[in-house]
Amino acid sequence: MASSSLNGSGAKDVVSCVDDLVEFALELRKPQLISAETARIATTTQFADLEGVVPGVGRFNPCNWGFGPEIHGAKHPHWMGTRNSASTFGHFGGTGSFIWHDPVANISCIALCRVEFDNWALHYWPQFFDALLDE
């Protein structure tokens, strides 16, 4: 991940490229640099009863998170698709970029863009993800 950098908050200030994000997704799918247990803890619900907000999406109870990624769980409406499994984990950013992995379907999806996250993403992303998972 030579082209990625953290320029402030880990929640919003990571700069990366698709190649690095593919490496990151592959590492979480089949860990080589971190232990399998660390990857499991990072990508599964760690706070099952936590109520909270997914910025730009809404308030959920519960609002499942791993140590880093958001866990899809039963959140609806949501930025992930209706066909994403409850165990899908991922993150999206204010630039309209996202990364997620659905361990049930064994599919990862990554996109980088420079269009500010807004209602367009909540409208189109779930449709796109559902179509991808239907293939």
N, C-alpha and C. Protein backbone atom coordinates (compact mmCIF):
# COMPACT_ATOMS: atom_id res chain seq x y z
N MET A 1 0.84 -1.18 0.00
CA MET A 1 0.00 0.00 0.00
C MET A 1 0.88 1.25 0.00
N ALA A 2 1.79 1.28 -0.93
CA ALA A 2 2.78 2.35 -1.00
C ALA A 2 2.20 3.70 -1.39
N SER A 3 1.04 3.71 -2.02
CA SER A 3 0.47 4.98 -2.48
C SER A 3 -0.56 5.57 -1.52
N SER A 4 -0.80 4.92 -0.40
CA SER A 4 -1.80 5.39 0.56
C SER A 4 -1.16 6.22 1.65
N SER A 5 -1.92 7.18 2.17
CA SER A 5 -1.41 7.99 3.27
C SER A 5 -2.57 8.41 4.18
N LEU A 6 -2.22 8.63 5.43
CA LEU A 6 -3.17 9.13 6.42
C LEU A 6 -2.79 10.58 6.70
N ASN A 7 -3.68 11.49 6.34
CA ASN A 7 -3.39 12.92 6.44
C ASN A 7 -4.28 13.59 7.47
N GLY A 8 -4.45 12.97 8.62
CA GLY A 8 -5.31 13.52 9.68
C GLY A 8 -6.07 12.40 10.35
N SER A 9 -7.38 12.54 10.44
CA SER A 9 -8.25 11.57 11.10
C SER A 9 -8.39 10.28 10.29
N GLY A 10 -8.25 9.15 10.97
CA GLY A 10 -8.45 7.86 10.31
C GLY A 10 -9.87 7.65 9.83
N ALA A 11 -10.81 8.44 10.34
CA ALA A 11 -12.21 8.33 9.95
C ALA A 11 -12.49 8.97 8.60
N LYS A 12 -11.61 9.91 8.17
CA LYS A 12 -11.96 10.65 6.96
C LYS A 12 -10.79 11.15 6.13
N ASP A 13 -9.58 10.97 6.59
CA ASP A 13 -8.46 11.60 5.91
C ASP A 13 -7.45 10.62 5.31
N VAL A 14 -7.92 9.47 4.87
CA VAL A 14 -7.05 8.51 4.19
C VAL A 14 -7.11 8.80 2.70
N VAL A 15 -5.96 8.86 2.07
CA VAL A 15 -5.86 9.05 0.63
C VAL A 15 -5.27 7.77 0.07
N SER A 16 -5.89 7.22 -0.97
CA SER A 16 -5.43 5.94 -1.49
C SER A 16 -5.71 5.84 -2.98
N CYS A 17 -5.41 4.67 -3.54
CA CYS A 17 -5.68 4.37 -4.94
C CYS A 17 -6.32 2.99 -5.01
N VAL A 18 -6.90 2.66 -6.14
CA VAL A 18 -7.60 1.38 -6.28
C VAL A 18 -6.65 0.21 -6.03
N ASP A 19 -5.43 0.26 -6.56
CA ASP A 19 -4.50 -0.86 -6.35
C ASP A 19 -4.26 -1.12 -4.87
N ASP A 20 -4.06 -0.06 -4.09
CA ASP A 20 -3.84 -0.23 -2.65
C ASP A 20 -5.09 -0.75 -1.96
N LEU A 21 -6.26 -0.29 -2.37
CA LEU A 21 -7.49 -0.76 -1.75
C LEU A 21 -7.77 -2.22 -2.09
N VAL A 22 -7.38 -2.65 -3.28
CA VAL A 22 -7.49 -4.08 -3.62
C VAL A 22 -6.59 -4.89 -2.69
N GLU A 23 -5.35 -4.43 -2.46
CA GLU A 23 -4.45 -5.11 -1.53
C GLU A 23 -5.07 -5.18 -0.13
N PHE A 24 -5.68 -4.07 0.30
CA PHE A 24 -6.31 -4.01 1.62
C PHE A 24 -7.46 -5.01 1.71
N ALA A 25 -8.32 -5.03 0.70
CA ALA A 25 -9.45 -5.97 0.69
C ALA A 25 -8.95 -7.41 0.71
N LEU A 26 -7.93 -7.71 -0.08
CA LEU A 26 -7.38 -9.07 -0.10
C LEU A 26 -6.80 -9.46 1.25
N GLU A 27 -6.17 -8.51 1.92
CA GLU A 27 -5.60 -8.78 3.24
C GLU A 27 -6.70 -9.12 4.25
N LEU A 28 -7.81 -8.41 4.20
CA LEU A 28 -8.90 -8.71 5.13
C LEU A 28 -9.60 -10.02 4.77
N ARG A 29 -9.59 -10.37 3.50
CA ARG A 29 -10.22 -11.62 3.06
C ARG A 29 -9.37 -12.84 3.43
N LYS A 30 -8.06 -12.71 3.24
CA LYS A 30 -7.13 -13.81 3.51
C LYS A 30 -5.86 -13.21 4.10
N PRO A 31 -5.85 -12.99 5.41
CA PRO A 31 -4.75 -12.27 6.06
C PRO A 31 -3.38 -12.93 5.87
N GLN A 32 -2.41 -12.10 5.52
CA GLN A 32 -1.02 -12.52 5.40
C GLN A 32 -0.13 -11.68 6.32
N LEU A 33 -0.49 -10.41 6.49
CA LEU A 33 0.32 -9.48 7.30
C LEU A 33 -0.19 -9.35 8.72
N ILE A 34 -1.48 -9.57 8.92
CA ILE A 34 -2.07 -9.55 10.26
C ILE A 34 -2.61 -10.94 10.55
N SER A 35 -2.86 -11.22 11.81
CA SER A 35 -3.39 -12.54 12.15
C SER A 35 -4.84 -12.67 11.70
N ALA A 36 -5.25 -13.90 11.48
CA ALA A 36 -6.65 -14.15 11.11
C ALA A 36 -7.58 -13.65 12.20
N GLU A 37 -7.16 -13.77 13.46
CA GLU A 37 -7.99 -13.30 14.58
C GLU A 37 -8.14 -11.78 14.55
N THR A 38 -7.08 -11.06 14.24
CA THR A 38 -7.16 -9.60 14.13
C THR A 38 -8.11 -9.21 13.01
N ALA A 39 -8.02 -9.87 11.87
CA ALA A 39 -8.92 -9.58 10.75
C ALA A 39 -10.36 -9.88 11.14
N ARG A 40 -10.59 -10.98 11.85
CA ARG A 40 -11.95 -11.35 12.28
C ARG A 40 -12.52 -10.29 13.22
N ILE A 41 -11.73 -9.86 14.18
CA ILE A 41 -12.19 -8.85 15.14
C ILE A 41 -12.49 -7.53 14.43
N ALA A 42 -11.65 -7.17 13.47
CA ALA A 42 -11.84 -5.91 12.75
C ALA A 42 -13.11 -5.91 11.91
N THR A 43 -13.50 -7.07 11.41
CA THR A 43 -14.56 -7.13 10.40
C THR A 43 -15.85 -7.80 10.87
N THR A 44 -15.98 -8.03 12.16
CA THR A 44 -17.22 -8.58 12.71
C THR A 44 -17.72 -7.66 13.83
N THR A 45 -18.98 -7.75 14.13
CA THR A 45 -19.59 -6.87 15.13
C THR A 45 -18.91 -7.03 16.48
N GLN A 46 -18.46 -5.91 17.03
CA GLN A 46 -17.80 -5.89 18.33
C GLN A 46 -18.66 -5.24 19.41
N PHE A 47 -19.62 -4.46 19.00
CA PHE A 47 -20.49 -3.74 19.94
C PHE A 47 -21.94 -3.96 19.50
N ALA A 48 -22.48 -5.14 19.81
CA ALA A 48 -23.77 -5.57 19.27
C ALA A 48 -24.94 -4.69 19.68
N ASP A 49 -24.88 -4.07 20.83
CA ASP A 49 -26.02 -3.29 21.32
C ASP A 49 -25.82 -1.79 21.16
N LEU A 50 -24.84 -1.40 20.38
CA LEU A 50 -24.51 0.01 20.21
C LEU A 50 -25.52 0.69 19.29
N GLU A 51 -26.10 1.77 19.76
CA GLU A 51 -26.96 2.61 18.93
C GLU A 51 -26.09 3.72 18.38
N GLY A 52 -26.33 4.12 17.14
CA GLY A 52 -25.50 5.18 16.60
C GLY A 52 -25.96 5.68 15.26
N VAL A 53 -25.09 6.49 14.67
CA VAL A 53 -25.38 7.16 13.40
C VAL A 53 -24.34 6.75 12.37
N VAL A 54 -24.81 6.45 11.18
CA VAL A 54 -23.93 6.33 10.02
C VAL A 54 -24.02 7.68 9.33
N PRO A 55 -22.93 8.46 9.33
CA PRO A 55 -22.99 9.82 8.79
C PRO A 55 -23.56 9.87 7.37
N GLY A 56 -24.52 10.74 7.18
CA GLY A 56 -25.13 10.91 5.87
C GLY A 56 -26.19 9.89 5.54
N VAL A 57 -26.36 8.88 6.40
CA VAL A 57 -27.32 7.81 6.13
C VAL A 57 -28.45 7.82 7.14
N GLY A 58 -28.12 7.78 8.43
CA GLY A 58 -29.17 7.81 9.43
C GLY A 58 -28.78 7.18 10.75
N ARG A 59 -29.73 7.18 11.67
CA ARG A 59 -29.55 6.60 13.01
C ARG A 59 -30.08 5.17 12.98
N PHE A 60 -29.33 4.28 13.64
CA PHE A 60 -29.71 2.87 13.68
C PHE A 60 -29.55 2.33 15.09
N ASN A 61 -30.42 1.38 15.43
CA ASN A 61 -30.33 0.69 16.70
C ASN A 61 -30.67 -0.77 16.48
N PRO A 62 -29.68 -1.65 16.41
CA PRO A 62 -28.26 -1.38 16.66
C PRO A 62 -27.55 -0.80 15.43
N CYS A 63 -26.37 -0.25 15.69
CA CYS A 63 -25.53 0.30 14.63
C CYS A 63 -24.19 -0.44 14.70
N ASN A 64 -24.15 -1.61 14.07
CA ASN A 64 -23.02 -2.53 14.20
C ASN A 64 -21.73 -1.98 13.59
N TRP A 65 -20.65 -2.13 14.35
CA TRP A 65 -19.31 -1.76 13.88
C TRP A 65 -18.33 -2.83 14.32
N GLY A 66 -17.32 -3.05 13.48
CA GLY A 66 -16.16 -3.83 13.88
C GLY A 66 -15.14 -2.84 14.43
N PHE A 67 -13.88 -3.23 14.51
CA PHE A 67 -12.83 -2.28 14.88
C PHE A 67 -12.35 -1.62 13.61
N GLY A 68 -13.12 -0.68 13.13
CA GLY A 68 -12.80 0.06 11.90
C GLY A 68 -13.99 0.09 10.98
N PRO A 69 -14.24 -0.99 10.25
CA PRO A 69 -15.33 -0.96 9.28
C PRO A 69 -16.72 -1.01 9.92
N GLU A 70 -17.65 -0.46 9.19
CA GLU A 70 -19.06 -0.60 9.55
C GLU A 70 -19.52 -1.99 9.13
N ILE A 71 -20.37 -2.61 9.93
CA ILE A 71 -20.96 -3.91 9.60
C ILE A 71 -22.39 -3.65 9.15
N HIS A 72 -22.79 -4.23 8.02
CA HIS A 72 -24.12 -3.96 7.47
C HIS A 72 -25.23 -4.31 8.45
N GLY A 73 -25.19 -5.49 9.03
CA GLY A 73 -26.24 -5.89 9.96
C GLY A 73 -27.61 -5.84 9.31
N ALA A 74 -28.59 -5.29 10.03
CA ALA A 74 -29.97 -5.20 9.52
C ALA A 74 -30.34 -3.76 9.19
N LYS A 75 -29.37 -2.89 9.00
CA LYS A 75 -29.66 -1.48 8.73
C LYS A 75 -30.41 -1.31 7.42
N HIS A 76 -31.49 -0.54 7.49
CA HIS A 76 -32.27 -0.24 6.29
C HIS A 76 -33.10 1.01 6.54
N PRO A 77 -33.15 1.93 5.59
CA PRO A 77 -32.38 1.96 4.35
C PRO A 77 -30.91 2.19 4.64
N HIS A 78 -30.08 1.81 3.70
CA HIS A 78 -28.64 1.82 3.94
C HIS A 78 -27.90 2.08 2.64
N TRP A 79 -26.62 2.43 2.76
CA TRP A 79 -25.81 2.68 1.57
C TRP A 79 -25.42 1.38 0.87
N MET A 80 -25.44 0.25 1.61
CA MET A 80 -25.19 -1.05 0.97
C MET A 80 -26.51 -1.54 0.39
N GLY A 81 -26.43 -2.58 -0.42
CA GLY A 81 -27.62 -3.11 -1.08
C GLY A 81 -28.48 -3.96 -0.18
N THR A 82 -29.69 -4.23 -0.64
CA THR A 82 -30.59 -5.10 0.11
C THR A 82 -30.15 -6.55 0.02
N ARG A 83 -29.30 -6.87 -0.96
CA ARG A 83 -28.82 -8.24 -1.13
C ARG A 83 -27.46 -8.48 -0.46
N ASN A 84 -26.84 -7.42 0.05
CA ASN A 84 -25.61 -7.62 0.83
C ASN A 84 -25.97 -8.38 2.10
N SER A 85 -25.14 -9.35 2.46
CA SER A 85 -25.41 -10.11 3.68
C SER A 85 -25.22 -9.21 4.91
N ALA A 86 -25.79 -9.65 6.02
CA ALA A 86 -25.65 -8.90 7.27
C ALA A 86 -24.20 -8.79 7.70
N SER A 87 -23.35 -9.71 7.26
CA SER A 87 -21.94 -9.69 7.66
C SER A 87 -21.05 -8.87 6.74
N THR A 88 -21.63 -8.22 5.74
CA THR A 88 -20.85 -7.34 4.86
C THR A 88 -20.26 -6.21 5.69
N PHE A 89 -18.99 -5.91 5.44
CA PHE A 89 -18.33 -4.82 6.15
C PHE A 89 -17.72 -3.86 5.14
N GLY A 90 -17.62 -2.60 5.52
CA GLY A 90 -17.04 -1.63 4.60
C GLY A 90 -17.01 -0.22 5.15
N HIS A 91 -16.70 0.69 4.26
CA HIS A 91 -16.58 2.11 4.61
C HIS A 91 -16.84 2.93 3.36
N PHE A 92 -17.45 4.08 3.53
CA PHE A 92 -17.56 5.03 2.43
C PHE A 92 -17.06 6.37 2.91
N GLY A 93 -16.69 7.21 1.96
CA GLY A 93 -16.15 8.51 2.33
C GLY A 93 -16.91 9.66 1.73
N GLY A 94 -16.58 10.83 2.21
CA GLY A 94 -17.23 12.06 1.78
C GLY A 94 -16.99 12.40 0.33
N THR A 95 -15.98 11.75 -0.29
CA THR A 95 -15.71 11.99 -1.71
C THR A 95 -16.51 11.07 -2.60
N GLY A 96 -17.43 10.30 -2.02
CA GLY A 96 -18.24 9.39 -2.82
C GLY A 96 -17.54 8.08 -3.14
N SER A 97 -16.46 7.78 -2.43
CA SER A 97 -15.71 6.54 -2.63
C SER A 97 -16.19 5.50 -1.62
N PHE A 98 -16.00 4.22 -1.95
CA PHE A 98 -16.39 3.18 -1.01
C PHE A 98 -15.55 1.93 -1.21
N ILE A 99 -15.57 1.09 -0.19
CA ILE A 99 -15.00 -0.26 -0.24
C ILE A 99 -15.88 -1.13 0.66
N TRP A 100 -16.23 -2.31 0.18
CA TRP A 100 -16.92 -3.27 1.03
C TRP A 100 -16.57 -4.68 0.60
N HIS A 101 -16.77 -5.61 1.54
CA HIS A 101 -16.61 -7.03 1.24
C HIS A 101 -17.77 -7.77 1.87
N ASP A 102 -18.39 -8.64 1.07
CA ASP A 102 -19.46 -9.49 1.55
C ASP A 102 -18.88 -10.90 1.70
N PRO A 103 -18.61 -11.34 2.94
CA PRO A 103 -17.98 -12.65 3.12
C PRO A 103 -18.88 -13.83 2.75
N VAL A 104 -20.19 -13.65 2.75
CA VAL A 104 -21.10 -14.73 2.35
C VAL A 104 -21.02 -14.93 0.84
N ALA A 105 -21.08 -13.85 0.08
CA ALA A 105 -20.98 -13.93 -1.39
C ALA A 105 -19.53 -14.01 -1.86
N ASN A 106 -18.58 -13.71 -0.97
CA ASN A 106 -17.15 -13.65 -1.28
C ASN A 106 -16.89 -12.67 -2.44
N ILE A 107 -17.50 -11.50 -2.32
CA ILE A 107 -17.34 -10.44 -3.32
C ILE A 107 -16.93 -9.16 -2.60
N SER A 108 -15.94 -8.49 -3.18
CA SER A 108 -15.54 -7.17 -2.69
C SER A 108 -15.86 -6.16 -3.78
N CYS A 109 -16.13 -4.93 -3.38
CA CYS A 109 -16.42 -3.87 -4.34
C CYS A 109 -15.71 -2.59 -3.88
N ILE A 110 -15.04 -1.94 -4.81
CA ILE A 110 -14.26 -0.74 -4.53
C ILE A 110 -14.53 0.27 -5.62
N ALA A 111 -14.72 1.51 -5.23
CA ALA A 111 -14.81 2.61 -6.21
C ALA A 111 -14.25 3.87 -5.58
N LEU A 112 -13.50 4.60 -6.36
CA LEU A 112 -12.99 5.90 -5.94
C LEU A 112 -13.61 6.96 -6.83
N CYS A 113 -14.03 8.05 -6.25
CA CYS A 113 -14.55 9.15 -7.05
C CYS A 113 -14.31 10.47 -6.34
N ARG A 114 -14.66 11.53 -7.01
CA ARG A 114 -14.46 12.87 -6.45
C ARG A 114 -15.76 13.67 -6.49
N VAL A 115 -16.87 12.96 -6.35
CA VAL A 115 -18.17 13.62 -6.30
C VAL A 115 -18.66 13.49 -4.87
N GLU A 116 -18.93 14.59 -4.23
CA GLU A 116 -19.30 14.59 -2.82
C GLU A 116 -20.45 13.63 -2.54
N PHE A 117 -20.27 12.81 -1.49
CA PHE A 117 -21.31 11.89 -1.06
C PHE A 117 -22.58 12.68 -0.75
N ASP A 118 -23.70 12.21 -1.28
CA ASP A 118 -24.98 12.89 -1.06
C ASP A 118 -26.09 11.88 -1.38
N ASN A 119 -27.30 12.36 -1.55
CA ASN A 119 -28.44 11.48 -1.82
C ASN A 119 -28.27 10.65 -3.09
N TRP A 120 -27.48 11.13 -4.06
CA TRP A 120 -27.25 10.35 -5.28
C TRP A 120 -26.67 8.99 -4.93
N ALA A 121 -25.74 8.95 -3.97
CA ALA A 121 -25.11 7.68 -3.59
C ALA A 121 -26.12 6.75 -2.93
N LEU A 122 -26.94 7.29 -2.05
CA LEU A 122 -27.94 6.47 -1.37
C LEU A 122 -28.98 5.94 -2.35
N HIS A 123 -29.17 6.63 -3.46
CA HIS A 123 -30.11 6.17 -4.49
C HIS A 123 -29.47 5.11 -5.39
N TYR A 124 -28.27 5.37 -5.91
CA TYR A 124 -27.67 4.50 -6.92
C TYR A 124 -26.83 3.36 -6.36
N TRP A 125 -26.10 3.58 -5.29
CA TRP A 125 -25.24 2.52 -4.78
C TRP A 125 -26.00 1.24 -4.47
N PRO A 126 -27.07 1.26 -3.66
CA PRO A 126 -27.75 0.01 -3.35
C PRO A 126 -28.23 -0.74 -4.60
N GLN A 127 -28.70 -0.01 -5.61
CA GLN A 127 -29.13 -0.65 -6.86
C GLN A 127 -27.95 -1.33 -7.55
N PHE A 128 -26.82 -0.62 -7.60
CA PHE A 128 -25.61 -1.16 -8.22
C PHE A 128 -25.13 -2.40 -7.47
N PHE A 129 -25.09 -2.32 -6.14
CA PHE A 129 -24.61 -3.45 -5.34
C PHE A 129 -25.53 -4.66 -5.49
N ASP A 130 -26.85 -4.43 -5.51
CA ASP A 130 -27.78 -5.54 -5.71
C ASP A 130 -27.58 -6.19 -7.07
N ALA A 131 -27.38 -5.38 -8.11
CA ALA A 131 -27.13 -5.94 -9.45
C ALA A 131 -25.84 -6.74 -9.47
N LEU A 132 -24.81 -6.24 -8.81
CA LEU A 132 -23.53 -6.95 -8.74
C LEU A 132 -23.70 -8.30 -8.04
N LEU A 133 -24.42 -8.30 -6.94
CA LEU A 133 -24.62 -9.54 -6.19
C LEU A 133 -25.55 -10.52 -6.91
N ASP A 134 -26.37 -10.02 -7.83
CA ASP A 134 -27.24 -10.89 -8.62
C ASP A 134 -26.47 -11.64 -9.71
N GLU A 135 -25.30 -11.14 -10.07
CA GLU A 135 -24.53 -11.76 -11.17
C GLU A 135 -23.91 -13.07 -10.78
